[in-house]
N, C-alpha and C. Protein backbone atom coordinates (compact mmCIF):
# COMPACT_ATOMS: atom_id res chain seq x y z
N UNK A 1 1.61 -18.51 4.88
CA UNK A 1 1.17 -17.18 5.26
C UNK A 1 1.16 -16.29 4.02
N UNK A 2 0.35 -15.24 4.04
CA UNK A 2 0.24 -14.37 2.87
C UNK A 2 0.67 -12.95 3.22
N UNK A 3 0.64 -12.09 2.22
CA UNK A 3 0.98 -10.69 2.43
C UNK A 3 -0.01 -10.04 3.39
N UNK A 4 0.49 -9.07 4.12
CA UNK A 4 -0.34 -8.29 5.05
C UNK A 4 -0.79 -7.02 4.35
N UNK A 5 -2.04 -6.66 4.50
CA UNK A 5 -2.62 -5.47 3.87
C UNK A 5 -2.96 -4.46 4.95
N UNK A 6 -2.67 -3.19 4.68
CA UNK A 6 -3.06 -2.09 5.56
C UNK A 6 -3.72 -1.01 4.72
N UNK A 7 -4.70 -0.34 5.31
CA UNK A 7 -5.43 0.71 4.62
C UNK A 7 -5.17 2.04 5.34
N UNK A 8 -5.08 3.13 4.56
CA UNK A 8 -4.87 4.46 5.11
C UNK A 8 -6.20 4.99 5.63
N UNK A 9 -6.22 5.43 6.89
CA UNK A 9 -7.44 5.93 7.50
C UNK A 9 -7.60 7.42 7.20
N UNK A 10 -8.77 7.94 7.50
CA UNK A 10 -9.04 9.37 7.30
C UNK A 10 -8.17 10.24 8.20
N UNK A 11 -7.57 9.65 9.23
CA UNK A 11 -6.71 10.39 10.16
C UNK A 11 -5.23 10.32 9.77
N UNK A 12 -4.93 9.67 8.64
CA UNK A 12 -3.56 9.59 8.17
C UNK A 12 -2.74 8.49 8.79
N UNK A 13 -3.40 7.53 9.46
CA UNK A 13 -2.70 6.39 10.03
C UNK A 13 -3.07 5.14 9.25
N UNK A 14 -2.30 4.09 9.46
CA UNK A 14 -2.54 2.82 8.76
C UNK A 14 -3.15 1.82 9.71
N UNK A 15 -4.10 1.01 9.22
CA UNK A 15 -4.68 -0.07 10.04
C UNK A 15 -4.80 -1.32 9.18
N UNK A 16 -4.67 -2.49 9.81
CA UNK A 16 -4.80 -3.75 9.07
C UNK A 16 -6.21 -3.91 8.51
N UNK A 17 -6.29 -4.50 7.32
CA UNK A 17 -7.58 -4.80 6.69
C UNK A 17 -7.36 -5.98 5.76
N UNK A 18 -8.23 -6.98 5.79
CA UNK A 18 -8.08 -8.09 4.84
C UNK A 18 -8.17 -7.57 3.40
N UNK A 19 -7.31 -8.08 2.54
CA UNK A 19 -7.26 -7.65 1.13
C UNK A 19 -8.63 -7.76 0.48
N UNK A 20 -9.37 -8.81 0.78
CA UNK A 20 -10.69 -9.02 0.18
C UNK A 20 -11.71 -7.98 0.63
N UNK A 21 -11.40 -7.20 1.66
CA UNK A 21 -12.33 -6.19 2.17
C UNK A 21 -12.10 -4.80 1.57
N UNK A 22 -11.10 -4.66 0.70
CA UNK A 22 -10.83 -3.37 0.08
C UNK A 22 -12.01 -2.95 -0.80
N UNK A 23 -12.31 -1.65 -0.79
CA UNK A 23 -13.38 -1.11 -1.62
C UNK A 23 -12.85 0.07 -2.42
N UNK A 24 -13.50 0.40 -3.55
CA UNK A 24 -13.04 1.51 -4.38
C UNK A 24 -12.85 2.80 -3.58
N UNK A 25 -11.72 3.47 -3.86
CA UNK A 25 -11.38 4.72 -3.19
C UNK A 25 -10.40 4.58 -2.06
N UNK A 26 -10.29 3.38 -1.48
CA UNK A 26 -9.34 3.16 -0.38
C UNK A 26 -7.91 3.21 -0.89
N UNK A 27 -7.01 3.69 -0.02
CA UNK A 27 -5.57 3.65 -0.30
C UNK A 27 -4.98 2.57 0.59
N UNK A 28 -4.20 1.67 0.00
CA UNK A 28 -3.65 0.55 0.76
C UNK A 28 -2.19 0.32 0.43
N UNK A 29 -1.54 -0.45 1.30
CA UNK A 29 -0.16 -0.90 1.07
C UNK A 29 -0.09 -2.35 1.50
N UNK A 30 0.93 -3.05 0.99
CA UNK A 30 1.11 -4.47 1.28
C UNK A 30 2.50 -4.72 1.85
N UNK A 31 2.59 -5.76 2.68
CA UNK A 31 3.87 -6.18 3.24
C UNK A 31 4.05 -7.67 3.01
N UNK A 32 5.28 -8.06 2.68
CA UNK A 32 5.62 -9.48 2.55
C UNK A 32 5.59 -10.11 3.94
N UNK A 33 5.65 -11.43 3.97
CA UNK A 33 5.70 -12.15 5.25
C UNK A 33 6.88 -11.70 6.11
N UNK A 34 7.96 -11.27 5.47
CA UNK A 34 9.16 -10.83 6.18
C UNK A 34 9.02 -9.44 6.78
N UNK A 35 7.95 -8.71 6.42
CA UNK A 35 7.75 -7.34 6.88
C UNK A 35 8.19 -6.30 5.88
N UNK A 36 8.88 -6.74 4.82
CA UNK A 36 9.31 -5.80 3.78
C UNK A 36 8.10 -5.27 3.01
N UNK A 37 8.08 -3.96 2.71
CA UNK A 37 6.98 -3.42 1.93
C UNK A 37 7.02 -3.93 0.49
N UNK A 38 5.86 -4.19 -0.07
CA UNK A 38 5.74 -4.56 -1.48
C UNK A 38 5.84 -3.27 -2.28
N UNK A 39 6.74 -3.25 -3.28
CA UNK A 39 6.94 -2.05 -4.09
C UNK A 39 6.94 -2.40 -5.57
N UNK A 40 6.81 -1.37 -6.39
CA UNK A 40 6.97 -1.53 -7.83
C UNK A 40 7.60 -0.25 -8.36
N UNK A 41 7.95 -0.25 -9.62
CA UNK A 41 8.58 0.89 -10.28
C UNK A 41 9.79 1.39 -9.50
N UNK A 42 10.75 0.48 -9.31
CA UNK A 42 12.01 0.78 -8.64
C UNK A 42 11.83 1.34 -7.24
N UNK A 43 10.81 0.85 -6.54
CA UNK A 43 10.60 1.25 -5.16
C UNK A 43 9.89 2.57 -4.98
N UNK A 44 9.50 3.24 -6.05
CA UNK A 44 8.84 4.54 -5.93
C UNK A 44 7.35 4.40 -5.66
N UNK A 45 6.79 3.22 -5.82
CA UNK A 45 5.37 2.99 -5.54
C UNK A 45 5.27 1.91 -4.48
N UNK A 46 4.63 2.22 -3.37
CA UNK A 46 4.42 1.24 -2.30
C UNK A 46 3.03 1.37 -1.70
N UNK A 47 2.17 2.14 -2.37
CA UNK A 47 0.76 2.22 -1.98
C UNK A 47 -0.08 2.44 -3.23
N UNK A 48 -1.31 2.02 -3.14
CA UNK A 48 -2.18 2.05 -4.31
C UNK A 48 -3.59 2.50 -3.90
N UNK A 49 -4.33 3.09 -4.85
CA UNK A 49 -5.72 3.43 -4.64
C UNK A 49 -6.57 2.38 -5.35
N UNK A 50 -7.58 1.89 -4.67
CA UNK A 50 -8.47 0.86 -5.21
C UNK A 50 -9.43 1.51 -6.20
N UNK A 51 -9.51 0.94 -7.41
CA UNK A 51 -10.44 1.43 -8.44
C UNK A 51 -11.64 0.52 -8.62
N UNK A 52 -11.51 -0.74 -8.26
CA UNK A 52 -12.61 -1.69 -8.41
C UNK A 52 -12.59 -2.72 -7.30
N UNK A 53 -13.70 -3.36 -7.07
CA UNK A 53 -13.80 -4.37 -6.01
C UNK A 53 -12.92 -5.58 -6.33
N UNK A 54 -12.38 -6.25 -5.31
CA UNK A 54 -11.57 -7.45 -5.53
C UNK A 54 -12.39 -8.56 -6.20
N UNK A 55 -11.72 -9.33 -7.03
CA UNK A 55 -12.33 -10.49 -7.66
C UNK A 55 -11.42 -11.69 -7.43
N UNK A 56 -11.99 -12.86 -7.50
CA UNK A 56 -11.25 -14.11 -7.31
C UNK A 56 -11.13 -14.82 -8.65
N UNK A 57 -9.93 -15.30 -8.97
CA UNK A 57 -9.75 -16.15 -10.14
C UNK A 57 -8.87 -17.33 -9.74
N UNK A 58 -8.50 -18.16 -10.69
CA UNK A 58 -7.72 -19.36 -10.36
C UNK A 58 -6.34 -19.05 -9.79
N UNK A 59 -5.84 -17.83 -9.98
CA UNK A 59 -4.54 -17.45 -9.45
C UNK A 59 -4.64 -16.71 -8.11
N UNK A 60 -5.84 -16.40 -7.65
CA UNK A 60 -6.00 -15.72 -6.36
C UNK A 60 -6.84 -14.47 -6.48
N UNK A 61 -6.73 -13.61 -5.48
CA UNK A 61 -7.47 -12.36 -5.46
C UNK A 61 -6.83 -11.35 -6.40
N UNK A 62 -7.65 -10.64 -7.14
CA UNK A 62 -7.19 -9.59 -8.06
C UNK A 62 -7.97 -8.32 -7.76
N UNK A 63 -7.32 -7.18 -8.02
CA UNK A 63 -7.98 -5.90 -7.80
C UNK A 63 -7.43 -4.89 -8.80
N UNK A 64 -8.29 -3.99 -9.27
CA UNK A 64 -7.86 -2.92 -10.17
C UNK A 64 -7.43 -1.75 -9.31
N UNK A 65 -6.21 -1.25 -9.56
CA UNK A 65 -5.65 -0.19 -8.72
C UNK A 65 -5.00 0.90 -9.55
N UNK A 66 -4.70 1.99 -8.87
CA UNK A 66 -3.94 3.10 -9.42
C UNK A 66 -2.73 3.28 -8.52
N UNK A 67 -1.51 3.23 -9.06
CA UNK A 67 -0.32 3.41 -8.21
C UNK A 67 -0.21 4.85 -7.73
N UNK A 68 0.22 5.04 -6.49
CA UNK A 68 0.45 6.36 -5.92
C UNK A 68 1.93 6.47 -5.60
N UNK A 69 2.66 7.22 -6.41
CA UNK A 69 4.10 7.37 -6.18
C UNK A 69 4.34 8.14 -4.89
N UNK A 70 5.46 7.81 -4.25
CA UNK A 70 5.82 8.54 -3.05
C UNK A 70 6.24 9.96 -3.42
N UNK A 71 6.11 10.85 -2.46
CA UNK A 71 6.54 12.23 -2.67
C UNK A 71 8.07 12.29 -2.69
N UNK A 72 8.62 13.39 -3.14
CA UNK A 72 10.08 13.56 -3.14
C UNK A 72 10.64 13.48 -1.72
N UNK A 73 9.92 14.03 -0.75
CA UNK A 73 10.38 13.98 0.64
C UNK A 73 10.41 12.53 1.14
N UNK A 74 9.36 11.76 0.84
CA UNK A 74 9.33 10.35 1.24
C UNK A 74 10.47 9.58 0.58
N UNK A 75 10.70 9.85 -0.70
CA UNK A 75 11.77 9.16 -1.42
C UNK A 75 13.13 9.50 -0.80
N UNK A 76 13.35 10.76 -0.45
CA UNK A 76 14.62 11.16 0.15
C UNK A 76 14.85 10.44 1.48
N UNK A 77 13.82 10.33 2.30
CA UNK A 77 13.94 9.65 3.59
C UNK A 77 14.23 8.17 3.37
N UNK A 78 13.45 7.52 2.49
CA UNK A 78 13.64 6.08 2.27
C UNK A 78 14.97 5.79 1.57
N UNK A 79 15.45 6.67 0.71
CA UNK A 79 16.71 6.41 0.02
C UNK A 79 17.90 6.47 0.97
N UNK A 80 17.70 7.09 2.14
CA UNK A 80 18.75 7.13 3.16
C UNK A 80 18.64 5.96 4.13
N UNK A 81 17.73 5.02 3.83
CA UNK A 81 17.63 3.82 4.65
C UNK A 81 16.62 3.89 5.77
N UNK A 82 15.87 4.98 5.83
CA UNK A 82 14.87 5.11 6.89
C UNK A 82 13.51 4.69 6.37
N UNK A 83 12.72 4.11 7.26
CA UNK A 83 11.37 3.69 6.91
C UNK A 83 10.57 3.56 8.18
N UNK A 84 9.34 4.00 8.16
CA UNK A 84 8.50 3.95 9.36
C UNK A 84 7.21 3.22 9.02
N UNK A 85 7.19 1.88 9.15
CA UNK A 85 6.04 1.08 8.73
C UNK A 85 4.71 1.47 9.36
N UNK A 86 4.71 1.97 10.57
CA UNK A 86 3.44 2.32 11.20
C UNK A 86 3.16 3.80 11.18
N UNK A 87 4.05 4.58 10.57
CA UNK A 87 3.91 6.02 10.62
C UNK A 87 2.90 6.57 9.63
N UNK A 88 2.63 7.85 9.77
CA UNK A 88 1.74 8.51 8.82
C UNK A 88 2.58 9.00 7.65
N UNK A 89 1.95 9.14 6.52
CA UNK A 89 2.69 9.48 5.31
C UNK A 89 2.14 10.70 4.59
N UNK A 90 1.42 11.54 5.30
CA UNK A 90 1.02 12.85 4.79
C UNK A 90 0.35 12.89 3.45
N UNK A 91 0.90 13.65 2.56
CA UNK A 91 0.23 14.01 1.31
C UNK A 91 0.26 12.91 0.27
N UNK A 92 -0.90 12.57 -0.23
CA UNK A 92 -1.00 11.63 -1.35
C UNK A 92 -1.23 12.43 -2.61
N UNK A 93 -0.64 11.97 -3.69
CA UNK A 93 -0.85 12.67 -4.96
C UNK A 93 -1.96 12.00 -5.74
């Protein structure tokens, strides 16, 4: 099984979308098979904006992205152990 991809809708909710279907401008997040969110930069980045169309190489699907750090409010909530995988996440920077 592979990572699960979700895209942020214009209404501020998340919906599943195959990784290969991402297009420039979309904001997406990934989840491991266990349900844990994929993060980088010490957990401060867990969503990305697509800058280029996905490409396939010998190692798998690749995409050019821009990391979107979580807001201070989101960080405060998550640092206290709370997380809402299906919730809306308001303001993107």
